[in-house]
Amino acid sequence: MNKSDLGTKFAKYHSAIRYIENLGNVGNGYQKTNLKKHPRPQIFLERMQDFLDLLGNPEKGFKYIHITGTAGKGTVATTVHSALVKAKRRAGLFTSPFTVSTIEKIQVGEKYIDPTVFAKIVQTLKPKIDEMLKSGRHGTPSYFEIIFAIALLYFKKEKCEYVVLEVGLGGKYDATNIIKNPVITAITNIGLDHTEILGPRREDIALDKAGIIKRGSTFFTTEEDPKLIKLFADICKKNMAECVALNARGMDYKEKDLLLVNAIFDKLEISNSGKMISQLSELPARFEIVNKKPIIIIDGAHNPSKIKSTVYNLQKLKYNKMTIVFASSLDKDWKTMLKIITPYADNIYITRFSVLGRRSANPSDLSAEVKKYRSSKYGLQIYSDPVDAFNDAKKKLKKGDALLITGSFYLAGEIRALYCGEDQILENRNSMIK
């Protein structure tokens, strides 16, 4: 099937996506980025619940595993889901963000949601969204809230027993937190990210993320800070939830994620689950090696904690020269990220991402920051077009060199689309690079 045929085949899906994305232009509609400015942030949960009530409460009837954290939550969620599927359990997975196509956020078994089914669900949602627009006490649901509702309706349609939810942002007021009785909740770790929304201190962020802990659930964490562990323990006690702080001292981040996955799966007490899970699921744009000679890595690390993980992975590779293509969202801590990653580059290309509605850090500001850590002889290029930056960097590589694309999940998605475009993802309902 050629591209023209695929475009026709998925026309209804693309129309559905445009409809959802464009709802954000409705005036006075509070989005999650307004959280700190809102006098009563509870409205985000109330609006999500109101919407689900209109839909017949598709959130009910699942065994939930709810996962948050600053880094690793997507990997842990995906690996737990994969283990459930291998154990022959009907399981749904909801993750955030996606790299190239929205359908990557919703999965049952080994396949993403069928784009045709996605479009049909959106069509059934439109009258309910109109009703929210007309008389909803908090306006229309956000893009994220609508996608989450689509996921729940799909999981219900597919008769899922388990649903693994990755929190979108924070925890306490995240749309996914409308679930009442999760079997398991988990926090991977706490770092400084989304500080403009969740608060400036790690304690603020931990408190918000701990909002997913529910009465009667079992809570796991691989966080190592004793103060934060005590905070979690106190909240668990208040909610009559079991608190399990796993001993992850001395482990690298992959070992910590595996420890958490195995603890979660053991708790589920699924038959034949005694076998240790020895490998994390590979996710698109998470230190993903898309070419070996030369090495080309697409990595969506977008905060200092994740950039440190990137550096850890780089140190395990053998290469001659390293070229980095870097862009960042304006609201991320790009100064610290550049301070961490710049010393590992022989050449660096500074660029931006070209995603509508998202503000990219100014390349001139990024390049000025890079110059603080490298001499004038250092190879530094600035490009306004991220694809041009990538293509030029790639063209200059020698066989033993390495190229890393990092700093932004949006940048990672744009470059990954060159290897696995949306039509391919929609057709195959997976993100495998052929």
Protein backbone atom coordinates (compact mmCIF):
# COMPACT_ATOMS: atom_id res chain seq x y z
CA MET A 1 0.00 0.00 0.00
CA ASN A 2 1.53 3.36 -1.03
CA LYS A 3 1.52 6.59 0.99
CA SER A 4 -1.45 8.01 -0.87
CA ASP A 5 -3.52 4.91 -0.08
CA LEU A 6 -2.46 5.05 3.57
CA GLY A 7 -3.43 8.70 3.75
CA THR A 8 -6.91 7.82 2.53
CA LYS A 9 -7.16 4.80 4.81
CA PHE A 10 -6.35 6.84 7.92
CA ALA A 11 -8.13 10.07 6.92
CA LYS A 12 -10.78 9.66 9.65
CA TYR A 13 -8.08 9.07 12.25
CA HIS A 14 -6.19 12.23 11.25
CA SER A 15 -9.45 14.18 11.29
CA ALA A 16 -10.16 12.89 14.82
CA ILE A 17 -6.70 13.96 16.01
CA ARG A 18 -7.12 17.46 14.52
CA TYR A 19 -10.46 17.78 16.29
CA ILE A 20 -9.02 16.81 19.69
CA GLU A 21 -5.88 18.93 19.37
CA ASN A 22 -7.81 22.00 18.26
CA LEU A 23 -10.15 21.91 21.26
CA GLY A 24 -7.35 23.60 23.17
CA ASN A 25 -8.20 26.92 21.50
CA VAL A 26 -11.43 27.25 23.51
CA GLY A 27 -11.08 30.40 25.64
CA ASN A 28 -10.94 30.20 29.44
CA GLY A 29 -10.41 26.46 29.37
CA TYR A 30 -8.06 25.49 32.18
CA GLN A 31 -5.29 23.10 31.19
CA LYS A 32 -2.90 21.30 33.52
CA THR A 33 -0.24 23.98 32.99
CA ASN A 34 -2.51 26.37 34.89
CA LEU A 35 -2.26 24.20 38.02
CA LYS A 36 -0.36 26.57 40.33
CA LYS A 37 -2.42 29.56 39.20
CA HIS A 38 -5.74 27.90 39.90
CA PRO A 39 -7.30 28.56 43.33
CA ARG A 40 -8.84 25.09 43.40
CA PRO A 41 -6.80 22.54 41.39
CA GLN A 42 -9.31 19.85 42.35
CA ILE A 43 -11.23 20.98 39.26
CA PHE A 44 -8.94 18.85 37.08
CA LEU A 45 -10.15 15.68 38.77
CA GLU A 46 -13.75 16.92 38.92
CA ARG A 47 -13.77 17.68 35.20
CA MET A 48 -12.31 14.28 34.36
CA GLN A 49 -14.87 12.55 36.58
CA ASP A 50 -17.75 14.58 35.12
CA PHE A 51 -16.67 13.53 31.64
CA LEU A 52 -16.40 9.86 32.59
CA ASP A 53 -19.81 10.02 34.29
CA LEU A 54 -21.27 11.16 30.96
CA LEU A 55 -19.57 8.19 29.28
CA GLY A 56 -21.01 5.62 31.66
CA ASN A 57 -17.94 5.36 33.90
CA PRO A 58 -15.62 3.25 31.73
CA GLU A 59 -12.96 3.60 34.44
CA LYS A 60 -14.71 1.01 36.62
CA GLY A 61 -13.97 -2.70 36.69
CA PHE A 62 -10.20 -2.84 36.10
CA LYS A 63 -7.29 -3.90 38.30
CA TYR A 64 -5.09 -0.81 38.15
CA ILE A 65 -1.33 -0.46 38.48
CA HIS A 66 -0.61 3.27 38.74
CA ILE A 67 2.96 4.51 38.23
CA THR A 68 4.60 7.91 38.52
CA GLY A 69 8.09 9.34 39.14
CA THR A 70 10.51 11.79 37.61
CA ALA A 71 12.39 9.24 35.51
CA GLY A 72 11.76 5.66 34.46
CA LYS A 73 8.00 5.57 34.94
CA GLY A 74 7.32 4.87 31.28
CA THR A 75 9.86 2.04 31.17
CA VAL A 76 8.51 0.49 34.38
CA ALA A 77 4.88 0.77 33.21
CA THR A 78 5.66 -0.75 29.81
CA THR A 79 7.71 -3.59 31.31
CA VAL A 80 4.99 -4.46 33.84
CA HIS A 81 2.43 -4.47 31.04
CA SER A 82 4.65 -6.68 28.88
CA ALA A 83 5.04 -9.13 31.77
CA LEU A 84 1.26 -9.26 32.21
CA VAL A 85 0.79 -9.98 28.51
CA LYS A 86 3.39 -12.76 28.66
CA ALA A 87 1.50 -14.18 31.64
CA LYS A 88 -1.56 -14.43 29.34
CA ARG A 89 -3.48 -11.67 31.11
CA ARG A 90 -5.66 -9.27 29.14
CA ALA A 91 -3.92 -5.99 29.91
CA GLY A 92 -4.16 -2.40 28.73
CA LEU A 93 -1.39 0.19 28.86
CA PHE A 94 -1.74 3.98 28.91
CA THR A 95 1.48 5.96 28.64
CA SER A 96 2.66 9.51 28.11
CA PRO A 97 4.14 11.02 26.01
CA PHE A 98 4.26 9.57 22.47
CA THR A 99 7.08 9.96 19.97
CA VAL A 100 5.42 10.12 16.54
CA SER A 101 1.75 9.06 16.68
CA THR A 102 -0.92 9.50 19.34
CA ILE A 103 -1.91 5.84 19.14
CA GLU A 104 1.39 4.98 20.87
CA LYS A 105 -0.24 6.09 24.13
CA ILE A 106 -2.88 3.32 24.12
CA GLN A 107 -2.07 -0.39 23.89
CA VAL A 108 -3.76 -3.72 24.55
CA GLY A 109 -1.62 -6.81 24.34
CA GLU A 110 1.18 -6.22 21.86
CA LYS A 111 -0.66 -3.76 19.61
CA TYR A 112 -1.52 -0.06 19.79
CA ILE A 113 -5.16 0.91 19.44
CA ASP A 114 -6.50 0.48 15.91
CA PRO A 115 -6.60 3.99 14.36
CA THR A 116 -9.99 3.22 12.82
CA VAL A 117 -11.36 2.28 16.24
CA PHE A 118 -9.76 5.42 17.68
CA ALA A 119 -11.63 7.55 15.14
CA LYS A 120 -14.93 5.79 15.87
CA ILE A 121 -14.54 6.38 19.61
CA VAL A 122 -13.84 10.08 19.01
CA GLN A 123 -17.02 10.31 16.97
CA THR A 124 -19.03 8.90 19.88
CA LEU A 125 -17.35 11.38 22.25
CA LYS A 126 -18.27 14.51 20.30
CA PRO A 127 -21.85 14.86 21.66
CA LYS A 128 -20.51 14.38 25.20
CA ILE A 129 -17.82 17.01 24.64
CA ASP A 130 -20.52 19.33 23.28
CA GLU A 131 -22.48 18.71 26.47
CA MET A 132 -19.42 19.58 28.58
CA LEU A 133 -18.94 22.72 26.49
CA LYS A 134 -22.57 23.70 27.00
CA SER A 135 -23.08 22.98 30.68
CA GLY A 136 -19.90 21.46 32.18
CA ARG A 137 -18.97 23.11 35.46
CA HIS A 138 -15.30 23.34 34.43
CA GLY A 139 -15.52 23.63 30.64
CA THR A 140 -14.36 21.16 28.02
CA PRO A 141 -11.94 18.35 28.90
CA SER A 142 -8.31 18.85 27.89
CA TYR A 143 -6.50 16.95 25.16
CA PHE A 144 -4.92 14.63 27.74
CA GLU A 145 -8.25 14.01 29.47
CA ILE A 146 -9.92 13.09 26.18
CA ILE A 147 -7.12 10.71 25.20
CA PHE A 148 -7.35 9.08 28.64
CA ALA A 149 -11.11 8.65 28.21
CA ILE A 150 -10.53 7.06 24.79
CA ALA A 151 -8.07 4.65 26.39
CA LEU A 152 -10.55 3.62 29.08
CA LEU A 153 -13.33 3.07 26.53
CA TYR A 154 -10.97 0.97 24.44
CA PHE A 155 -9.82 -1.08 27.44
CA LYS A 156 -13.47 -1.71 28.28
CA LYS A 157 -14.22 -2.72 24.69
CA GLU A 158 -11.24 -5.09 24.72
CA LYS A 159 -12.34 -6.63 28.05
CA CYS A 160 -9.08 -5.90 29.87
CA GLU A 161 -8.54 -7.33 33.33
CA TYR A 162 -5.50 -5.21 34.21
CA VAL A 163 -4.73 -1.61 33.25
CA VAL A 164 -1.27 -0.12 33.73
CA LEU A 165 -1.40 3.66 33.95
CA GLU A 166 1.56 5.98 33.61
CA VAL A 167 0.80 9.34 35.20
CA GLY A 168 0.93 12.24 32.76
CA LEU A 169 2.20 14.95 35.10
CA GLY A 170 2.69 14.87 38.87
CA GLY A 171 0.10 12.64 40.46
CA LYS A 172 -2.41 14.22 42.82
CA TYR A 173 -4.29 16.26 40.21
CA ASP A 174 -3.41 14.21 37.14
CA ALA A 175 -6.39 13.00 35.11
CA THR A 176 -5.34 9.38 35.68
CA ASN A 177 -5.83 9.88 39.43
CA ILE A 178 -9.61 9.58 39.19
CA ILE A 179 -9.20 5.83 39.70
CA LYS A 180 -10.49 4.78 43.12
CA ASN A 181 -8.99 1.39 44.03
CA PRO A 182 -5.64 0.67 42.37
CA VAL A 183 -4.10 -2.66 43.28
CA ILE A 184 -0.61 -1.16 43.20
CA THR A 185 0.82 2.36 43.13
CA ALA A 186 4.47 3.18 42.57
CA ILE A 187 6.91 6.09 42.43
CA THR A 188 10.21 5.41 40.68
CA ASN A 189 12.12 8.40 42.04
CA ILE A 190 11.86 12.12 42.70
CA GLY A 191 13.87 14.71 40.78
CA LEU A 192 13.39 18.33 39.81
CA ASP A 193 11.07 18.52 36.81
CA HIS A 194 7.90 20.50 36.11
CA THR A 195 8.90 22.75 39.01
CA GLU A 196 6.85 25.60 37.56
CA ILE A 197 3.75 23.43 38.07
CA LEU A 198 4.51 21.10 40.98
CA GLY A 199 6.73 23.33 43.12
CA PRO A 200 10.43 24.21 43.44
CA ARG A 201 11.54 21.59 45.98
CA ARG A 202 11.83 17.81 45.76
CA GLU A 203 9.51 17.61 48.78
CA ASP A 204 6.84 19.54 46.85
CA ILE A 205 7.15 17.20 43.90
CA ALA A 206 7.14 14.11 46.13
CA LEU A 207 4.00 15.28 47.90
CA ASP A 208 2.19 15.82 44.61
CA LYS A 209 3.27 12.47 43.15
CA ALA A 210 2.29 10.68 46.38
CA GLY A 211 -1.27 11.79 45.68
CA ILE A 212 -1.73 8.54 43.73
CA ILE A 213 -1.46 6.46 46.94
CA LYS A 214 -4.92 5.10 47.68
CA ARG A 215 -6.58 3.36 50.58
CA GLY A 216 -5.88 -0.36 50.68
CA SER A 217 -3.31 -0.39 47.86
CA THR A 218 0.31 -1.53 48.03
CA PHE A 219 2.81 1.25 47.34
CA PHE A 220 6.34 0.68 46.02
CA THR A 221 9.24 3.08 45.52
CA THR A 222 12.94 2.95 44.65
CA GLU A 223 13.51 6.52 45.89
CA GLU A 224 16.54 6.62 48.20
CA ASP A 225 16.13 9.89 50.11
CA PRO A 226 15.17 8.99 53.73
CA LYS A 227 13.12 12.18 54.12
CA LEU A 228 11.03 11.40 51.06
CA ILE A 229 10.65 7.75 52.05
CA LYS A 230 9.29 8.91 55.42
CA LEU A 231 6.92 11.27 53.62
CA PHE A 232 5.62 8.33 51.54
CA ALA A 233 5.35 6.10 54.62
CA ASP A 234 3.31 8.73 56.49
CA ILE A 235 0.91 9.11 53.56
CA CYS A 236 0.57 5.33 53.27
CA LYS A 237 -0.21 5.07 56.98
CA LYS A 238 -2.85 7.76 56.68
CA ASN A 239 -4.41 5.91 53.73
CA MET A 240 -4.07 2.44 55.28
CA ALA A 241 -1.86 1.42 52.35
CA GLU A 242 1.12 -0.92 52.53
CA CYS A 243 4.41 0.94 52.01
CA VAL A 244 7.35 -0.90 50.46
CA ALA A 245 10.55 1.14 50.10
CA LEU A 246 12.83 -1.08 48.06
CA ASN A 247 16.54 -1.07 48.86
CA ALA A 248 18.07 0.26 45.67
CA ARG A 249 21.31 1.62 47.11
CA GLY A 250 24.30 1.14 44.83
CA MET A 251 22.15 0.23 41.83
CA ASP A 252 22.21 1.97 38.49
CA TYR A 253 18.92 3.28 37.14
CA LYS A 254 18.20 0.17 35.03
CA GLU A 255 18.73 -2.11 38.01
CA LYS A 256 16.40 0.07 40.07
CA ASP A 257 13.68 -0.10 37.42
CA LEU A 258 14.00 -3.88 37.20
CA LEU A 259 13.85 -4.17 40.99
CA LEU A 260 10.62 -2.18 40.99
CA VAL A 261 9.10 -4.17 38.12
CA ASN A 262 9.83 -7.48 39.83
CA ALA A 263 8.46 -6.29 43.17
CA ILE A 264 5.23 -5.17 41.48
CA PHE A 265 4.83 -8.40 39.55
CA ASP A 266 5.55 -10.55 42.61
CA LYS A 267 2.84 -8.71 44.51
CA LEU A 268 0.31 -9.48 41.79
CA GLU A 269 0.74 -13.20 42.61
CA ILE A 270 -0.03 -14.26 39.07
CA SER A 271 0.49 -17.96 38.39
CA ASN A 272 3.88 -18.72 36.83
CA SER A 273 5.15 -15.27 37.88
CA GLY A 274 7.93 -16.71 40.04
CA LYS A 275 10.42 -16.31 37.20
CA MET A 276 12.42 -13.10 37.53
CA ILE A 277 11.91 -10.45 34.87
CA SER A 278 15.46 -9.90 33.65
CA GLN A 279 15.07 -7.28 30.96
CA LEU A 280 13.33 -3.93 30.68
CA SER A 281 11.10 -3.25 27.70
CA GLU A 282 12.71 -1.12 25.02
CA LEU A 283 10.75 2.06 24.39
CA PRO A 284 11.01 4.38 21.37
CA ALA A 285 13.34 7.33 21.92
CA ARG A 286 14.68 6.13 25.27
CA PHE A 287 18.38 5.88 24.48
CA GLU A 288 17.33 4.04 21.34
CA ILE A 289 20.19 2.99 19.05
CA VAL A 290 18.77 3.24 15.52
CA ASN A 291 22.08 2.70 13.70
CA LYS A 292 25.25 0.87 14.75
CA LYS A 293 28.02 1.93 12.34
CA PRO A 294 28.19 4.80 13.00
CA ILE A 295 26.20 4.75 16.23
CA ILE A 296 23.08 6.93 16.11
CA ILE A 297 21.09 7.31 19.33
CA ILE A 298 17.68 8.93 19.70
CA ASP A 299 17.06 9.89 23.30
CA GLY A 300 14.14 11.87 24.69
CA ALA A 301 15.88 12.84 27.97
CA HIS A 302 14.49 16.24 28.92
CA ASN A 303 15.54 16.92 32.51
CA PRO A 304 18.82 16.65 34.46
CA SER A 305 17.91 13.28 36.03
CA LYS A 306 17.28 11.73 32.62
CA ILE A 307 20.36 13.34 31.09
CA LYS A 308 22.44 11.71 33.84
CA SER A 309 20.99 8.36 32.75
CA THR A 310 21.95 9.23 29.18
CA VAL A 311 25.54 9.89 30.26
CA TYR A 312 25.57 6.59 32.14
CA ASN A 313 24.55 4.78 28.94
CA LEU A 314 27.09 6.67 26.83
CA GLN A 315 29.90 5.49 29.09
CA LYS A 316 29.04 1.88 28.18
CA LEU A 317 29.55 2.49 24.46
CA LYS A 318 32.76 2.54 22.42
CA TYR A 319 33.13 5.29 19.82
CA ASN A 320 35.73 7.70 18.45
CA LYS A 321 34.05 11.09 18.34
CA MET A 322 30.68 12.12 19.75
CA THR A 323 28.37 14.60 18.04
CA ILE A 324 25.29 15.82 19.90
CA VAL A 325 22.16 17.41 18.45
CA PHE A 326 20.42 19.27 21.27
CA ALA A 327 17.16 21.16 21.72
CA SER A 328 15.04 21.81 24.78
CA SER A 329 11.65 23.08 25.83
CA LEU A 330 11.84 26.59 27.19
CA ASP A 331 10.41 25.54 30.57
CA LYS A 332 12.97 22.78 31.16
CA ASP A 333 16.25 23.13 33.07
CA TRP A 334 18.31 23.27 29.90
CA LYS A 335 21.22 25.04 31.62
CA THR A 336 21.84 22.09 33.93
CA MET A 337 21.27 19.59 31.11
CA LEU A 338 23.89 21.31 28.95
CA LYS A 339 26.32 21.49 31.86
CA ILE A 340 26.00 17.70 32.26
CA ILE A 341 26.07 16.63 28.61
CA THR A 342 28.35 19.17 26.88
CA PRO A 343 31.66 17.71 28.19
CA TYR A 344 30.89 14.45 26.38
CA ALA A 345 30.59 16.06 22.94
CA ASP A 346 33.32 16.65 20.37
CA ASN A 347 30.81 18.57 18.24
CA ILE A 348 27.41 19.93 19.11
CA TYR A 349 24.50 21.09 16.98
CA ILE A 350 22.09 23.41 18.73
CA THR A 351 18.59 23.57 17.31
CA ARG A 352 14.92 23.72 18.30
CA PHE A 353 11.90 21.50 17.80
CA SER A 354 9.04 22.45 15.49
CA VAL A 355 5.98 21.25 17.41
CA LEU A 356 3.03 23.63 17.34
CA GLY A 357 1.83 24.88 20.71
CA ARG A 358 5.12 24.05 22.48
CA ARG A 359 7.79 26.66 23.20
CA SER A 360 11.34 25.70 22.36
CA ALA A 361 14.34 27.29 24.06
CA ASN A 362 16.07 29.87 21.87
CA PRO A 363 19.05 28.23 20.09
CA SER A 364 21.15 31.37 20.61
CA ASP A 365 20.63 31.10 24.38
CA LEU A 366 21.51 27.41 24.30
CA SER A 367 24.68 28.03 22.30
CA ALA A 368 25.77 30.79 24.70
CA GLU A 369 25.40 28.28 27.54
CA VAL A 370 27.44 25.66 25.67
CA LYS A 371 30.30 28.14 25.25
CA LYS A 372 30.67 28.34 29.05
CA TYR A 373 31.91 24.76 29.06
CA ARG A 374 33.94 24.47 25.86
CA SER A 375 36.74 26.41 24.16
CA SER A 376 36.34 28.47 21.00
CA LYS A 377 37.89 25.59 19.03
CA TYR A 378 34.95 23.43 19.94
CA GLY A 379 32.68 22.42 17.04
CA LEU A 380 29.41 24.32 17.54
CA GLN A 381 26.67 24.72 14.93
CA ILE A 382 23.25 26.40 15.17
CA TYR A 383 20.31 25.32 13.02
CA SER A 384 16.72 26.55 13.04
CA ASP A 385 15.56 23.33 11.34
CA PRO A 386 16.09 20.22 13.51
CA VAL A 387 16.02 17.85 10.52
CA ASP A 388 18.69 19.91 8.75
CA ALA A 389 20.79 19.82 11.93
CA PHE A 390 20.46 16.05 12.12
CA ASN A 391 21.17 15.48 8.43
CA ASP A 392 24.30 17.66 8.48
CA ALA A 393 25.59 16.02 11.66
CA LYS A 394 24.91 12.55 10.24
CA LYS A 395 26.64 13.37 6.95
CA LYS A 396 29.88 14.25 8.75
CA LEU A 397 30.05 11.08 10.84
CA LYS A 398 32.76 8.49 10.29
CA LYS A 399 32.16 4.77 10.79
CA GLY A 400 33.50 4.68 14.37
CA ASP A 401 31.74 7.86 15.52
CA ALA A 402 28.52 8.37 17.47
CA LEU A 403 25.62 10.80 17.15
CA LEU A 404 23.23 11.53 20.01
CA ILE A 405 19.94 13.39 19.62
CA THR A 406 18.74 14.54 23.04
CA GLY A 407 17.34 17.29 25.28
CA SER A 408 13.70 17.09 24.23
CA PHE A 409 11.12 14.39 23.63
CA TYR A 410 9.69 16.57 20.86
CA LEU A 411 13.07 16.72 19.12
CA ALA A 412 13.47 12.96 19.55
CA GLY A 413 10.04 12.40 17.98
CA GLU A 414 10.82 14.56 14.96
CA ILE A 415 14.04 12.68 14.24
CA ARG A 416 12.56 9.26 14.97
CA ALA A 417 9.84 9.93 12.41
CA LEU A 418 12.60 9.84 9.76
CA TYR A 419 13.16 6.18 10.67
CA CYS A 420 9.59 5.15 11.46
CA GLY A 421 6.93 7.52 10.16
CA GLU A 422 3.37 7.81 11.36
CA ASP A 423 1.89 5.91 8.41
CA GLN A 424 4.08 2.93 9.26
CA ILE A 425 3.01 3.08 12.92
CA LEU A 426 -0.67 3.36 12.04
CA GLU A 427 -0.47 0.48 9.59
CA ASN A 428 1.50 -1.91 11.84
CA ARG A 429 0.21 -0.64 15.21
CA ASN A 430 3.73 -0.75 16.63
CA SER A 431 6.78 1.50 16.54
CA MET A 432 9.40 -1.00 15.38
CA ILE A 433 12.02 0.44 13.04
CA LYS A 434 12.43 -1.82 10.02
